[in-house]
Amino acid sequence: MQLRYAFRIDPSPGQRIALGRAFGCARVVWNDCLAARQDAHAAGLPYPKSAHLSRRFITEAKQTPERAWLGQVSAVVLQQSLRDLDMAFAQFFASLKGTRKGPRVGEPRFKSKRDGRQAVRFTANAKWSISANGKLNLPKIGPVRVRWSRSLPSVPSTVTVIKDSSGRYWASFVVETDTALDLLPELGSDQGVDLGLTHFAVMADGSRVTSPRILRRAEKKLMKEQRRLSRKTKGSNNRNKQRTKVAKAHAKVADARRDFHHKLSTKLIRDNQAVSVETLNVKGLARGRLAKSVHDAGWSAFLSMLEYKAVKHGRTLTKVDRTYPSSQICSACGHRDGPKPLHIRAWTCSRCGTRHDRDWNAGQNIKREGRRIRAATQTAPSTPGPGASRRRRCE
């Protein structure tokens, strides 16, 4: 299982210049190769191969006066930029054919030096290393101080150096881990989780987690910094400084939300053998009047954390389809009492007379439906269809 570990780094002023040079060279290679492919497509010619682009825009370009400065950075950085472009085109074509899961992906676009995020990647061929004193040695950049918050579980395969829109530098390591080393002791408990806005999560056992409303609480400060930015002269140094302040304010909000998601998802995975959650139509909910609150909650990011942590620690995450009427079914007798407006937070079952809290009842129903899905999944292989034994031998 591949995991990514990101740590803050503190490059010196000279190293920041060298990193800026690497960002710029990688960006130029991307743009040159993208332009070549677009020109070939406009002329009705097939897309040039990666080997041809590498030879023309990296190897041969270093010998020309116009692109001689490409030799000042590691060649691996340039090759990885071309590989990223190949991957972007592959995802684009897969999206057009419908073979790629998820939302549609657009055609690769040109990069600008004014983009908020800049990144370069070093593979093992670049011969980067981590010294005994904990510094990250990067080719043609030097030893960079890393703010280690934990030790890496194994030797990383690649490292990506990132500069975000707020001016912070990060080193992101890709590490291959053995999931057997992170397995948690088996438990007999399972949990159903109903996600919401007033309460971020209501559990089947009745416990509730209040929504932190991080964006709402920081809204006044964000508006103040954004107002200052709008008053600055475009292109001035003061505007650039204020833009960084706005980006730092937004980064603080994103960091606080990510920290909240990590703590809650880790607690759920550690305390339960199985967790059942309802898949939500976040894109559709984000089009309504509650759009800002939906984005502030960050349900999709939270579910992604639950998913990979369940795999890492040997737990089971069951996703209940969004069409399941968890808020309409009585958890006591199973009677479906019909849809109810959002302002109704408590209701009484018309059959058995049980008084229900809307969210708690939904959490209990999600837990029960998750158990049913897991039971159906476990019993499915016991009734093989025709030709199943042949498929099993082939596998």
Protein backbone atom coordinates (compact mmCIF):
# COMPACT_ATOMS: atom_id res chain seq x y z
CA MET A 1 0.00 0.00 0.00
CA GLN A 2 1.39 3.37 -0.99
CA LEU A 3 1.04 6.27 1.42
CA ARG A 4 2.12 9.88 1.19
CA TYR A 5 3.80 11.73 4.06
CA ALA A 6 4.15 15.50 3.82
CA PHE A 7 6.50 17.59 5.99
CA ARG A 8 7.27 21.30 6.08
CA ILE A 9 10.74 22.24 4.87
CA ASP A 10 12.73 25.43 5.44
CA PRO A 11 14.97 26.15 2.44
CA SER A 12 17.53 28.90 2.77
CA PRO A 13 17.26 32.02 0.57
CA GLY A 14 19.71 30.53 -1.92
CA GLN A 15 17.85 27.23 -1.96
CA ARG A 16 14.58 29.06 -2.60
CA ILE A 17 16.14 30.61 -5.68
CA ALA A 18 17.33 27.18 -6.82
CA LEU A 19 13.86 25.70 -6.21
CA GLY A 20 12.28 28.57 -8.13
CA ARG A 21 14.64 27.78 -11.01
CA ALA A 22 13.58 24.11 -10.89
CA PHE A 23 9.90 25.08 -10.83
CA GLY A 24 10.41 27.33 -13.85
CA CYS A 25 12.35 24.76 -15.89
CA ALA A 26 9.77 22.04 -15.23
CA ARG A 27 7.03 24.46 -16.23
CA VAL A 28 8.80 25.37 -19.49
CA VAL A 29 9.24 21.71 -20.46
CA TRP A 30 5.56 21.07 -19.76
CA ASN A 31 4.47 24.06 -21.86
CA ASP A 32 6.83 23.29 -24.76
CA CYS A 33 5.72 19.67 -24.98
CA LEU A 34 2.06 20.60 -24.65
CA ALA A 35 2.37 23.17 -27.42
CA ALA A 36 4.06 20.61 -29.68
CA ARG A 37 1.23 18.14 -29.19
CA GLN A 38 -1.44 20.76 -29.75
CA ASP A 39 0.27 21.92 -32.96
CA ALA A 40 0.45 18.35 -34.21
CA HIS A 41 -3.22 17.81 -33.46
CA ALA A 42 -4.19 21.06 -35.25
CA ALA A 43 -2.19 19.95 -38.31
CA GLY A 44 -3.96 16.59 -38.37
CA LEU A 45 -0.82 14.69 -37.37
CA PRO A 46 -0.53 12.04 -34.64
CA TYR A 47 0.68 13.13 -31.22
CA PRO A 48 4.49 13.00 -30.98
CA LYS A 49 5.83 10.29 -28.69
CA SER A 50 7.38 11.01 -25.33
CA ALA A 51 10.82 9.87 -26.50
CA HIS A 52 10.72 12.40 -29.35
CA LEU A 53 9.57 15.19 -27.03
CA SER A 54 12.26 14.34 -24.48
CA ARG A 55 14.99 14.43 -27.08
CA ARG A 56 13.75 17.66 -28.67
CA PHE A 57 12.72 19.76 -25.68
CA ILE A 58 15.15 18.49 -23.04
CA THR A 59 18.29 16.90 -24.49
CA GLU A 60 18.63 19.04 -27.62
CA ALA A 61 17.13 22.16 -26.04
CA LYS A 62 19.98 22.29 -23.50
CA GLN A 63 22.41 22.78 -26.42
CA THR A 64 20.62 25.91 -27.69
CA PRO A 65 21.22 29.45 -26.37
CA GLU A 66 17.49 29.95 -25.73
CA ARG A 67 17.15 26.92 -23.43
CA ALA A 68 20.71 26.46 -22.14
CA TRP A 69 19.55 27.22 -18.59
CA LEU A 70 17.67 23.90 -18.52
CA GLY A 71 21.01 22.31 -17.65
CA GLN A 72 21.09 24.16 -14.32
CA VAL A 73 18.52 21.81 -12.78
CA SER A 74 18.37 18.05 -12.34
CA ALA A 75 17.40 16.23 -15.54
CA VAL A 76 15.05 14.02 -13.49
CA VAL A 77 12.89 17.06 -12.72
CA LEU A 78 12.46 17.74 -16.44
CA GLN A 79 11.72 14.10 -17.27
CA GLN A 80 9.12 13.89 -14.51
CA SER A 81 7.40 17.01 -15.86
CA LEU A 82 7.05 15.28 -19.23
CA ARG A 83 5.78 12.13 -17.51
CA ASP A 84 3.16 14.19 -15.67
CA LEU A 85 2.01 15.57 -19.03
CA ASP A 86 1.71 12.02 -20.40
CA MET A 87 -0.40 11.05 -17.39
CA ALA A 88 -2.61 14.12 -17.82
CA PHE A 89 -3.29 13.19 -21.46
CA ALA A 90 -3.94 9.57 -20.49
CA GLN A 91 -6.51 10.66 -17.90
CA PHE A 92 -8.10 13.05 -20.41
CA PHE A 93 -8.52 10.37 -23.09
CA ALA A 94 -9.76 7.82 -20.54
CA SER A 95 -12.35 10.36 -19.41
CA LEU A 96 -13.49 10.90 -23.00
CA LYS A 97 -13.88 7.15 -23.52
CA GLY A 98 -15.73 6.73 -20.23
CA THR A 99 -13.19 4.26 -18.83
CA ARG A 100 -12.12 6.59 -16.03
CA LYS A 101 -14.13 6.68 -12.84
CA GLY A 102 -15.14 9.95 -11.27
CA PRO A 103 -15.82 13.37 -12.79
CA ARG A 104 -14.71 14.20 -16.30
CA VAL A 105 -11.17 15.47 -16.75
CA GLY A 106 -10.37 18.33 -19.11
CA GLU A 107 -7.52 18.63 -21.58
CA PRO A 108 -4.11 19.60 -20.09
CA ARG A 109 -3.57 23.35 -19.96
CA PHE A 110 -0.52 25.58 -20.01
CA LYS A 111 1.11 26.42 -16.69
CA SER A 112 1.94 29.94 -15.53
CA LYS A 113 4.60 31.24 -13.20
CA ARG A 114 1.76 33.04 -11.41
CA ASP A 115 0.06 29.77 -10.47
CA GLY A 116 -0.43 29.48 -6.73
CA ARG A 117 1.04 26.00 -6.53
CA GLN A 118 4.41 24.94 -7.95
CA ALA A 119 5.93 21.46 -7.65
CA VAL A 120 8.82 19.31 -8.85
CA ARG A 121 9.38 15.60 -8.26
CA PHE A 122 12.61 13.70 -7.66
CA THR A 123 12.77 9.94 -8.19
CA ALA A 124 15.48 7.53 -7.08
CA ASN A 125 17.40 8.24 -10.32
CA ALA A 126 18.04 11.77 -9.07
CA LYS A 127 20.10 10.31 -6.21
CA TRP A 128 18.45 12.40 -3.52
CA SER A 129 18.91 11.25 0.07
CA ILE A 130 18.15 11.91 3.72
CA SER A 131 21.30 12.58 5.72
CA ALA A 132 22.02 11.34 9.22
CA ASN A 133 21.18 14.74 10.70
CA GLY A 134 17.71 14.64 9.08
CA LYS A 135 18.29 17.01 6.19
CA LEU A 136 16.93 16.33 2.71
CA ASN A 137 19.73 16.40 0.13
CA LEU A 138 18.38 17.43 -3.28
CA PRO A 139 20.50 17.49 -6.45
CA LYS A 140 21.63 21.00 -7.47
CA ILE A 141 19.74 22.45 -4.47
CA GLY A 142 21.63 21.14 -1.44
CA PRO A 143 20.68 19.95 2.07
CA VAL A 144 17.29 21.32 3.11
CA ARG A 145 16.05 21.37 6.70
CA VAL A 146 12.92 19.26 7.26
CA ARG A 147 10.47 19.63 10.14
CA TRP A 148 10.10 15.94 10.95
CA SER A 149 6.94 15.18 12.95
CA ARG A 150 7.25 11.39 12.64
CA SER A 151 9.60 8.81 11.20
CA LEU A 152 8.97 7.26 7.78
CA PRO A 153 7.92 3.58 7.92
CA SER A 154 10.25 2.64 5.04
CA VAL A 155 12.57 4.12 2.45
CA PRO A 156 10.56 6.49 0.22
CA SER A 157 10.58 5.98 -3.54
CA THR A 158 10.00 9.59 -4.59
CA VAL A 159 9.89 13.03 -3.04
CA THR A 160 7.89 15.96 -4.39
CA VAL A 161 8.87 19.47 -3.34
CA ILE A 162 5.83 21.75 -3.28
CA LYS A 163 5.40 25.47 -2.85
CA ASP A 164 1.79 26.32 -2.03
CA SER A 165 -0.05 29.58 -2.63
CA SER A 166 0.77 30.86 0.87
CA GLY A 167 4.52 30.57 0.25
CA ARG A 168 5.10 27.46 2.37
CA TYR A 169 7.41 24.69 1.18
CA TRP A 170 6.61 21.00 1.62
CA ALA A 171 8.40 17.72 1.00
CA SER A 172 5.94 14.96 0.10
CA PHE A 173 7.33 11.42 0.31
CA VAL A 174 5.71 8.37 -1.32
CA VAL A 175 6.27 5.32 0.87
CA GLU A 176 5.42 1.67 0.27
CA THR A 177 4.06 0.20 3.51
CA ASP A 178 3.11 -3.28 4.61
CA THR A 179 -0.51 -3.16 5.82
CA ALA A 180 0.12 -6.19 8.03
CA LEU A 181 2.32 -4.03 10.26
CA ASP A 182 -0.47 -1.50 10.91
CA LEU A 183 -3.33 -3.92 11.61
CA LEU A 184 -5.27 -3.12 14.77
CA PRO A 185 -6.67 -5.76 17.14
CA GLU A 186 -10.07 -7.03 16.04
CA LEU A 187 -13.09 -5.64 17.86
CA GLY A 188 -16.68 -6.77 18.06
CA SER A 189 -18.23 -3.33 17.63
CA ASP A 190 -19.50 -1.58 14.55
CA GLN A 191 -20.82 1.94 14.04
CA GLY A 192 -23.26 3.78 11.80
CA VAL A 193 -22.53 7.44 10.98
CA ASP A 194 -25.02 10.00 9.72
CA LEU A 195 -23.28 13.11 8.39
CA GLY A 196 -24.90 16.51 8.68
CA LEU A 197 -24.31 20.24 9.06
CA THR A 198 -25.44 21.21 12.58
CA HIS A 199 -23.84 18.04 13.90
CA PHE A 200 -21.03 16.88 11.64
CA ALA A 201 -21.64 13.26 12.63
CA VAL A 202 -24.36 11.53 14.64
CA MET A 203 -23.49 7.95 15.61
CA ALA A 204 -25.81 5.00 15.94
CA ASP A 205 -24.94 4.79 19.65
CA GLY A 206 -26.29 8.31 20.18
CA SER A 207 -23.00 10.19 20.42
CA ARG A 208 -22.70 13.40 18.42
CA VAL A 209 -19.86 15.45 17.00
CA THR A 210 -20.66 19.12 16.63
CA SER A 211 -19.70 20.68 13.32
CA PRO A 212 -16.65 22.94 13.87
CA ARG A 213 -17.85 25.46 11.22
CA ILE A 214 -14.24 26.47 10.61
CA LEU A 215 -14.90 28.58 7.54
CA ARG A 216 -17.84 30.37 9.16
CA ARG A 217 -15.75 31.28 12.20
CA ALA A 218 -12.92 32.64 10.07
CA GLU A 219 -15.21 34.40 7.61
CA LYS A 220 -14.88 37.84 9.15
CA LYS A 221 -11.08 37.75 9.03
CA LEU A 222 -11.09 36.41 5.48
CA MET A 223 -13.41 39.18 4.33
CA LYS A 224 -11.18 41.77 5.98
CA GLU A 225 -8.02 40.49 4.28
CA GLN A 226 -9.80 40.13 0.93
CA ARG A 227 -11.09 43.70 1.17
CA ARG A 228 -7.55 44.93 1.73
CA LEU A 229 -6.39 42.98 -1.29
CA SER A 230 -9.03 44.53 -3.54
CA ARG A 231 -7.78 48.01 -2.64
CA LYS A 232 -4.19 47.34 -3.69
CA THR A 233 -2.90 48.42 -7.09
CA LYS A 234 -2.69 45.51 -9.50
CA GLY A 235 0.90 44.49 -10.20
CA SER A 236 2.33 46.25 -7.14
CA ASN A 237 4.51 44.64 -4.47
CA ASN A 238 1.96 45.56 -1.81
CA ARG A 239 -0.67 43.59 -3.69
CA ASN A 240 1.63 40.56 -3.85
CA LYS A 241 2.26 40.78 -0.11
CA GLN A 242 -1.45 41.07 0.62
CA ARG A 243 -2.22 38.16 -1.72
CA THR A 244 0.11 36.01 0.38
CA LYS A 245 -1.72 37.08 3.54
CA VAL A 246 -5.05 36.07 2.02
CA ALA A 247 -3.60 32.71 0.97
CA LYS A 248 -2.22 32.12 4.48
CA ALA A 249 -5.61 32.86 6.01
CA HIS A 250 -7.28 30.33 3.71
CA ALA A 251 -4.51 27.79 4.37
CA LYS A 252 -5.12 28.13 8.10
CA VAL A 253 -8.79 27.26 7.57
CA ALA A 254 -7.93 24.27 5.37
CA ASP A 255 -5.36 23.01 7.89
CA ALA A 256 -7.83 23.22 10.78
CA ARG A 257 -10.49 21.35 8.79
CA ARG A 258 -8.00 18.65 7.77
CA ASP A 259 -6.88 18.24 11.39
CA PHE A 260 -10.49 17.80 12.51
CA HIS A 261 -11.13 15.20 9.80
CA HIS A 262 -7.99 13.25 10.70
CA LYS A 263 -8.78 13.11 14.42
CA LEU A 264 -12.39 12.03 13.96
CA SER A 265 -11.65 9.45 11.24
CA THR A 266 -8.82 7.94 13.29
CA LYS A 267 -11.08 7.67 16.35
CA LEU A 268 -13.83 5.94 14.37
CA ILE A 269 -11.42 3.45 12.80
CA ARG A 270 -9.64 2.64 16.06
CA ASP A 271 -12.82 2.16 18.12
CA ASN A 272 -14.84 0.08 15.65
CA GLN A 273 -14.24 -3.02 13.55
CA ALA A 274 -16.72 -1.82 10.90
CA VAL A 275 -18.03 1.64 10.06
CA SER A 276 -21.09 2.28 7.89
CA VAL A 277 -21.58 5.67 6.23
CA GLU A 278 -24.02 7.06 3.72
CA THR A 279 -22.70 8.33 0.39
CA LEU A 280 -23.91 11.88 -0.16
CA ASN A 281 -24.55 13.82 -3.34
CA VAL A 282 -22.13 16.56 -2.35
CA LYS A 283 -22.04 18.13 -5.81
CA GLY A 284 -25.81 18.44 -5.86
CA LEU A 285 -26.04 19.76 -2.29
CA ALA A 286 -23.35 22.34 -3.08
CA ARG A 287 -25.63 23.95 -5.67
CA GLY A 288 -28.28 24.94 -3.13
CA ARG A 289 -28.60 27.63 -0.50
CA LEU A 290 -26.47 25.58 1.92
CA ALA A 291 -23.52 25.47 -0.48
CA LYS A 292 -21.09 27.31 1.78
CA SER A 293 -21.91 25.11 4.76
CA VAL A 294 -21.58 21.96 2.63
CA HIS A 295 -18.13 22.99 1.41
CA ASP A 296 -17.17 23.97 4.96
CA ALA A 297 -18.05 20.49 6.23
CA GLY A 298 -15.79 18.72 3.71
CA TRP A 299 -17.64 15.39 3.71
CA SER A 300 -15.83 13.99 0.67
CA ALA A 301 -12.37 14.53 2.19
CA PHE A 302 -13.56 12.93 5.43
CA LEU A 303 -14.90 9.84 3.64
CA SER A 304 -11.63 9.51 1.71
CA MET A 305 -9.70 9.49 5.00
CA LEU A 306 -12.02 6.85 6.44
CA GLU A 307 -11.54 4.70 3.36
CA TYR A 308 -7.75 4.59 3.31
CA LYS A 309 -7.44 4.28 7.09
CA ALA A 310 -9.83 1.32 7.06
CA VAL A 311 -7.62 -0.43 4.50
CA LYS A 312 -4.45 0.47 6.40
CA HIS A 313 -5.65 -0.80 9.77
CA GLY A 314 -7.67 -3.82 8.64
CA ARG A 315 -11.11 -2.35 9.30
CA THR A 316 -14.23 -2.47 7.13
CA LEU A 317 -15.85 0.64 5.69
CA THR A 318 -19.30 0.06 4.22
CA LYS A 319 -20.85 2.72 2.02
CA VAL A 320 -24.65 2.83 2.01
CA ASP A 321 -26.15 4.12 -1.21
CA ARG A 322 -27.55 7.64 -1.11
CA THR A 323 -30.95 6.35 -2.28
CA TYR A 324 -31.40 4.40 0.96
CA PRO A 325 -34.16 6.24 2.93
CA SER A 326 -32.34 6.32 6.26
CA SER A 327 -34.37 9.30 7.53
CA GLN A 328 -37.75 7.80 6.59
CA ILE A 329 -37.55 4.33 8.16
CA CYS A 330 -38.46 3.71 11.79
CA SER A 331 -35.48 2.02 13.43
CA ALA A 332 -37.81 0.34 15.96
CA CYS A 333 -40.36 -1.40 13.70
CA GLY A 334 -38.96 -0.87 10.19
CA HIS A 335 -41.99 1.08 8.92
CA ARG A 336 -41.23 3.60 6.18
CA ASP A 337 -43.00 6.77 7.21
CA GLY A 338 -42.34 8.85 4.10
CA PRO A 339 -40.11 11.85 3.31
CA LYS A 340 -39.88 14.77 5.70
CA PRO A 341 -38.64 18.37 5.22
CA LEU A 342 -35.25 19.25 6.65
CA HIS A 343 -36.72 21.50 9.34
CA ILE A 344 -38.37 18.47 10.99
CA ARG A 345 -35.68 17.19 13.35
CA ALA A 346 -37.89 14.79 15.34
CA TRP A 347 -40.88 12.69 14.35
CA THR A 348 -43.18 9.95 15.66
CA CYS A 349 -43.67 6.67 13.82
CA SER A 350 -47.26 6.34 12.64
CA ARG A 351 -47.23 2.56 13.18
CA CYS A 352 -45.54 1.91 16.53
CA GLY A 353 -45.63 5.43 18.01
CA THR A 354 -41.90 5.59 18.74
CA ARG A 355 -40.52 9.13 18.98
CA HIS A 356 -37.35 9.52 16.91
CA ASP A 357 -34.56 12.03 16.69
CA ARG A 358 -34.08 12.35 12.94
CA ASP A 359 -30.26 12.07 12.87
CA TRP A 360 -29.94 9.38 15.53
CA ASN A 361 -32.60 7.30 13.81
CA ALA A 362 -30.75 7.68 10.49
CA GLY A 363 -27.50 6.57 12.13
CA GLN A 364 -29.16 3.42 13.46
CA ASN A 365 -30.66 2.63 10.06
CA ILE A 366 -27.31 3.17 8.33
CA LYS A 367 -25.66 0.81 10.81
CA ARG A 368 -28.31 -1.84 10.17
CA GLU A 369 -28.07 -1.45 6.39
CA GLY A 370 -24.28 -1.68 6.57
CA ARG A 371 -24.58 -4.98 8.43
CA ARG A 372 -26.94 -6.27 5.73
CA ILE A 373 -24.55 -5.26 2.93
CA ARG A 374 -21.57 -6.93 4.65
CA ALA A 375 -23.55 -10.11 5.25
CA ALA A 376 -24.64 -10.22 1.62
CA THR A 377 -21.07 -9.68 0.47
CA GLN A 378 -19.73 -12.46 2.67
CA THR A 379 -22.36 -15.01 1.56
CA ALA A 380 -22.12 -14.19 -2.17
CA PRO A 381 -19.04 -16.42 -2.89
CA SER A 382 -20.74 -19.42 -1.25
CA THR A 383 -23.22 -19.74 -4.15
CA PRO A 384 -20.98 -19.75 -7.26
CA GLY A 385 -22.58 -19.56 -10.67
CA PRO A 386 -21.79 -21.62 -13.75
CA GLY A 387 -18.10 -21.64 -14.59
CA ALA A 388 -17.04 -20.22 -11.24
CA SER A 389 -14.57 -23.04 -10.56
CA ARG A 390 -12.81 -22.33 -13.86
CA ARG A 391 -12.47 -18.67 -13.04
CA ARG A 392 -11.08 -19.52 -9.62
CA ARG A 393 -8.37 -21.72 -11.12
CA CYS A 394 -7.42 -19.00 -13.59
CA GLU A 395 -7.06 -16.51 -10.78
